[in-house]
Amino acid sequence: IVLVSGHLDSWDVGQGAMDDGGGAFISWEALSLIKDLGLRPKRTLRLVLWTGEEQGGIGAKQYYQLHKENISNFDIVMESDEGTFKPSGLGFTGSAKAREIVKEIMTLLQPINATDVYDSADGTDIDFWMRDGVPGASLHNDVSKYFWFHHSQGDTMTVQDPNQMNLCAAVWTVVSYVIADMEEMLPR
């Protein structure tokens, strides 16, 4: 299983469009693009739209409890939760061998200049999996404007730039598809 995800945690102010509607959208779009292209990877691609992240990660905790017995089937868990502005690459948590593979995959994104692999993935919703050794990835993007809108009345759809979101979706699509279609799972 290659899991792509974002969460739905709109606050009582704003719409939650950036935090984290954008992450949910690019995850949905990645699977939609793969389907529209008629691609069928060797492994399952799964979309999860988490809930309850701001209330202690209760949605992620429940999902983990329901699926942890199959942890060896999870190839990578990916979460986008810091906006969907211009992407630069991925944060990655996993073995050195897996990191080298991810770096190679990221070279495919050179045309959009989103090739960097940062030291670690972060995400409340994927932490359970990474603690148990499943490789994890989080989207890295230009967060210079993130806290202008984070948890505020300004977090509306007008914050989202469709072109930048398309670039984020491209990163999510390429990485998830290539990993799901490799002969072997990422080394643990």
Protein backbone atom coordinates (compact mmCIF):
# COMPACT_ATOMS: atom_id res chain seq x y z
CA ILE A 1 0.00 0.00 0.00
CA VAL A 2 1.22 3.45 -0.95
CA LEU A 3 -0.82 5.87 1.13
CA VAL A 4 -1.31 9.52 0.14
CA SER A 5 -3.13 11.83 2.49
CA GLY A 6 -4.22 15.18 3.78
CA HIS A 7 -6.67 16.03 6.52
CA LEU A 8 -9.90 17.89 6.93
CA ASP A 9 -9.59 20.12 9.97
CA SER A 10 -11.33 23.34 9.06
CA TRP A 11 -11.61 25.66 12.00
CA ASP A 12 -14.62 27.69 13.03
CA VAL A 13 -12.87 30.64 11.37
CA GLY A 14 -11.94 30.50 7.72
CA GLN A 15 -12.63 27.51 5.53
CA GLY A 16 -9.56 25.36 6.08
CA ALA A 17 -8.80 25.64 2.37
CA MET A 18 -5.03 25.82 2.84
CA ASP A 19 -4.86 23.92 6.15
CA ASP A 20 -5.46 21.35 5.09
CA GLY A 21 -7.91 21.30 2.21
CA GLY A 22 -4.99 21.76 -0.20
CA GLY A 23 -3.27 18.61 1.10
CA ALA A 24 -6.50 16.65 0.81
CA PHE A 25 -7.06 17.97 -2.71
CA ILE A 26 -3.59 17.14 -4.07
CA SER A 27 -3.87 13.63 -2.63
CA TRP A 28 -7.22 13.14 -4.35
CA GLU A 29 -5.85 14.68 -7.55
CA ALA A 30 -2.81 12.38 -7.58
CA LEU A 31 -4.99 9.28 -7.68
CA SER A 32 -7.36 10.89 -10.14
CA LEU A 33 -4.49 11.71 -12.53
CA ILE A 34 -3.09 8.19 -12.31
CA LYS A 35 -6.52 6.76 -13.10
CA ASP A 36 -7.15 9.23 -15.94
CA LEU A 37 -3.81 8.28 -17.49
CA GLY A 38 -4.85 4.62 -17.42
CA LEU A 39 -1.90 3.66 -15.22
CA ARG A 40 -2.17 0.57 -13.02
CA PRO A 41 0.71 0.25 -10.57
CA LYS A 42 1.82 -3.06 -9.10
CA ARG A 43 0.72 -2.06 -5.59
CA THR A 44 -2.37 -0.44 -4.13
CA LEU A 45 -2.58 3.34 -3.99
CA ARG A 46 -4.78 4.48 -1.12
CA LEU A 47 -6.13 7.93 -0.33
CA VAL A 48 -6.90 8.82 3.27
CA LEU A 49 -8.59 12.08 4.23
CA TRP A 50 -7.84 12.21 7.94
CA THR A 51 -10.13 13.78 10.52
CA GLY A 52 -9.54 14.95 14.07
CA GLU A 53 -5.90 15.95 13.53
CA GLU A 54 -6.24 19.06 15.68
CA GLN A 55 -8.06 17.08 18.35
CA GLY A 56 -5.07 14.87 19.09
CA GLY A 57 -4.85 12.95 15.83
CA ILE A 58 -7.79 10.75 16.76
CA GLY A 59 -8.66 9.91 13.14
CA ALA A 60 -5.11 8.79 12.39
CA LYS A 61 -4.92 6.88 15.65
CA GLN A 62 -8.12 4.99 14.82
CA TYR A 63 -6.94 4.18 11.28
CA TYR A 64 -3.60 2.96 12.65
CA GLN A 65 -5.33 0.73 15.21
CA LEU A 66 -7.51 -0.78 12.48
CA HIS A 67 -4.66 -1.44 10.03
CA LYS A 68 -1.45 -1.91 12.05
CA GLU A 69 -1.70 -5.71 11.85
CA ASN A 70 -0.95 -5.29 8.13
CA ILE A 71 1.94 -2.88 8.64
CA SER A 72 4.29 -4.97 6.49
CA ASN A 73 2.02 -4.21 3.51
CA PHE A 74 2.53 -0.44 3.82
CA ASP A 75 5.28 0.68 1.44
CA ILE A 76 5.22 4.41 2.26
CA VAL A 77 2.88 6.85 3.99
CA MET A 78 2.69 10.39 2.59
CA GLU A 79 1.06 13.45 4.16
CA SER A 80 0.72 17.04 3.00
CA ASP A 81 -0.08 19.47 5.83
CA GLU A 82 1.86 22.70 5.36
CA GLY A 83 -0.02 24.31 2.52
CA THR A 84 0.19 23.72 -1.19
CA PHE A 85 2.37 26.57 -2.31
CA LYS A 86 5.27 26.21 -4.78
CA PRO A 87 6.83 22.80 -4.00
CA SER A 88 10.56 22.23 -3.56
CA GLY A 89 10.57 18.51 -2.77
CA LEU A 90 9.85 16.06 0.03
CA GLY A 91 10.76 15.49 3.63
CA PHE A 92 11.64 11.81 3.97
CA THR A 93 11.96 9.44 6.92
CA GLY A 94 13.29 5.98 6.22
CA SER A 95 16.40 3.89 5.73
CA ALA A 96 19.47 5.17 3.89
CA LYS A 97 18.75 2.76 1.01
CA ALA A 98 15.16 3.98 0.75
CA ARG A 99 16.37 7.60 0.82
CA GLU A 100 18.64 6.93 -2.18
CA ILE A 101 15.70 5.49 -4.10
CA VAL A 102 13.52 8.50 -3.23
CA LYS A 103 16.31 10.85 -4.33
CA GLU A 104 16.42 9.06 -7.68
CA ILE A 105 12.63 9.33 -8.04
CA MET A 106 12.79 13.05 -7.28
CA THR A 107 15.08 13.62 -10.27
CA LEU A 108 11.98 13.01 -12.42
CA LEU A 109 10.65 16.30 -11.06
CA GLN A 110 13.58 18.37 -12.33
CA PRO A 111 11.39 20.11 -14.97
CA ILE A 112 9.37 21.71 -12.17
CA ASN A 113 12.38 22.24 -9.88
CA ALA A 114 10.97 20.13 -7.02
CA THR A 115 13.83 17.67 -6.49
CA ASP A 116 15.02 18.25 -2.92
CA VAL A 117 14.86 15.50 -0.29
CA TYR A 118 14.91 16.93 3.22
CA ASP A 119 16.04 15.18 6.39
CA SER A 120 12.74 14.01 7.79
CA ALA A 121 9.05 13.71 7.06
CA ASP A 122 6.58 15.18 9.46
CA GLY A 123 2.89 14.80 9.87
CA THR A 124 0.68 14.06 12.83
CA ASP A 125 -1.33 11.61 10.77
CA ILE A 126 1.60 9.48 9.58
CA ASP A 127 3.73 9.56 12.75
CA PHE A 128 2.30 6.27 14.05
CA TRP A 129 3.48 4.48 10.91
CA MET A 130 6.91 6.08 10.77
CA ARG A 131 7.56 5.21 14.43
CA ASP A 132 6.98 1.58 13.46
CA GLY A 133 9.48 1.76 10.58
CA VAL A 134 7.25 2.51 7.59
CA PRO A 135 8.96 5.06 5.31
CA GLY A 136 7.22 8.43 5.31
CA ALA A 137 7.15 11.51 3.11
CA SER A 138 5.78 15.01 3.58
CA LEU A 139 5.44 17.73 0.98
CA HIS A 140 7.91 20.59 1.24
CA ASN A 141 6.80 23.86 -0.29
CA ASP A 142 7.28 27.58 0.08
CA VAL A 143 5.78 28.21 3.52
CA SER A 144 6.70 31.91 3.66
CA LYS A 145 2.98 32.84 3.52
CA TYR A 146 1.65 29.86 5.45
CA PHE A 147 1.23 31.63 8.78
CA TRP A 148 -0.45 34.59 7.10
CA PHE A 149 -3.50 32.33 6.76
CA HIS A 150 -3.02 29.42 9.19
CA HIS A 151 -6.03 29.00 11.50
CA SER A 152 -7.45 32.38 10.52
CA GLN A 153 -10.43 33.87 8.70
CA GLY A 154 -8.06 34.35 5.77
CA ASP A 155 -7.78 30.59 5.14
CA THR A 156 -10.18 30.55 2.20
CA MET A 157 -10.04 29.29 -1.38
CA THR A 158 -8.66 32.65 -2.52
CA VAL A 159 -5.35 31.68 -0.87
CA GLN A 160 -4.93 28.74 -3.23
CA ASP A 161 -3.02 29.28 -6.46
CA PRO A 162 -4.21 26.65 -8.98
CA ASN A 163 -0.84 26.57 -10.74
CA GLN A 164 1.07 25.95 -7.51
CA MET A 165 -1.46 23.32 -6.44
CA ASN A 166 -0.97 21.58 -9.80
CA LEU A 167 2.77 21.45 -9.14
CA CYS A 168 2.16 19.96 -5.69
CA ALA A 169 -0.21 17.41 -7.21
CA ALA A 170 2.48 16.56 -9.78
CA VAL A 171 4.97 15.82 -6.99
CA TRP A 172 2.43 13.65 -5.16
CA THR A 173 1.45 11.85 -8.39
CA VAL A 174 4.97 11.05 -9.57
CA VAL A 175 6.26 9.91 -6.20
CA SER A 176 3.24 7.79 -5.28
CA TYR A 177 2.95 6.14 -8.70
CA VAL A 178 6.64 5.34 -9.10
CA ILE A 179 6.88 3.83 -5.61
CA ALA A 180 3.67 1.84 -6.15
CA ASP A 181 4.99 0.49 -9.45
CA MET A 182 8.49 -0.54 -8.35
CA GLU A 183 9.39 -4.23 -8.38
CA GLU A 184 10.30 -4.18 -4.67
CA MET A 185 9.00 -2.22 -1.72
CA LEU A 186 11.19 0.53 -0.27
CA PRO A 187 13.84 -1.02 2.01
CA ARG A 188 13.05 -0.70 5.71
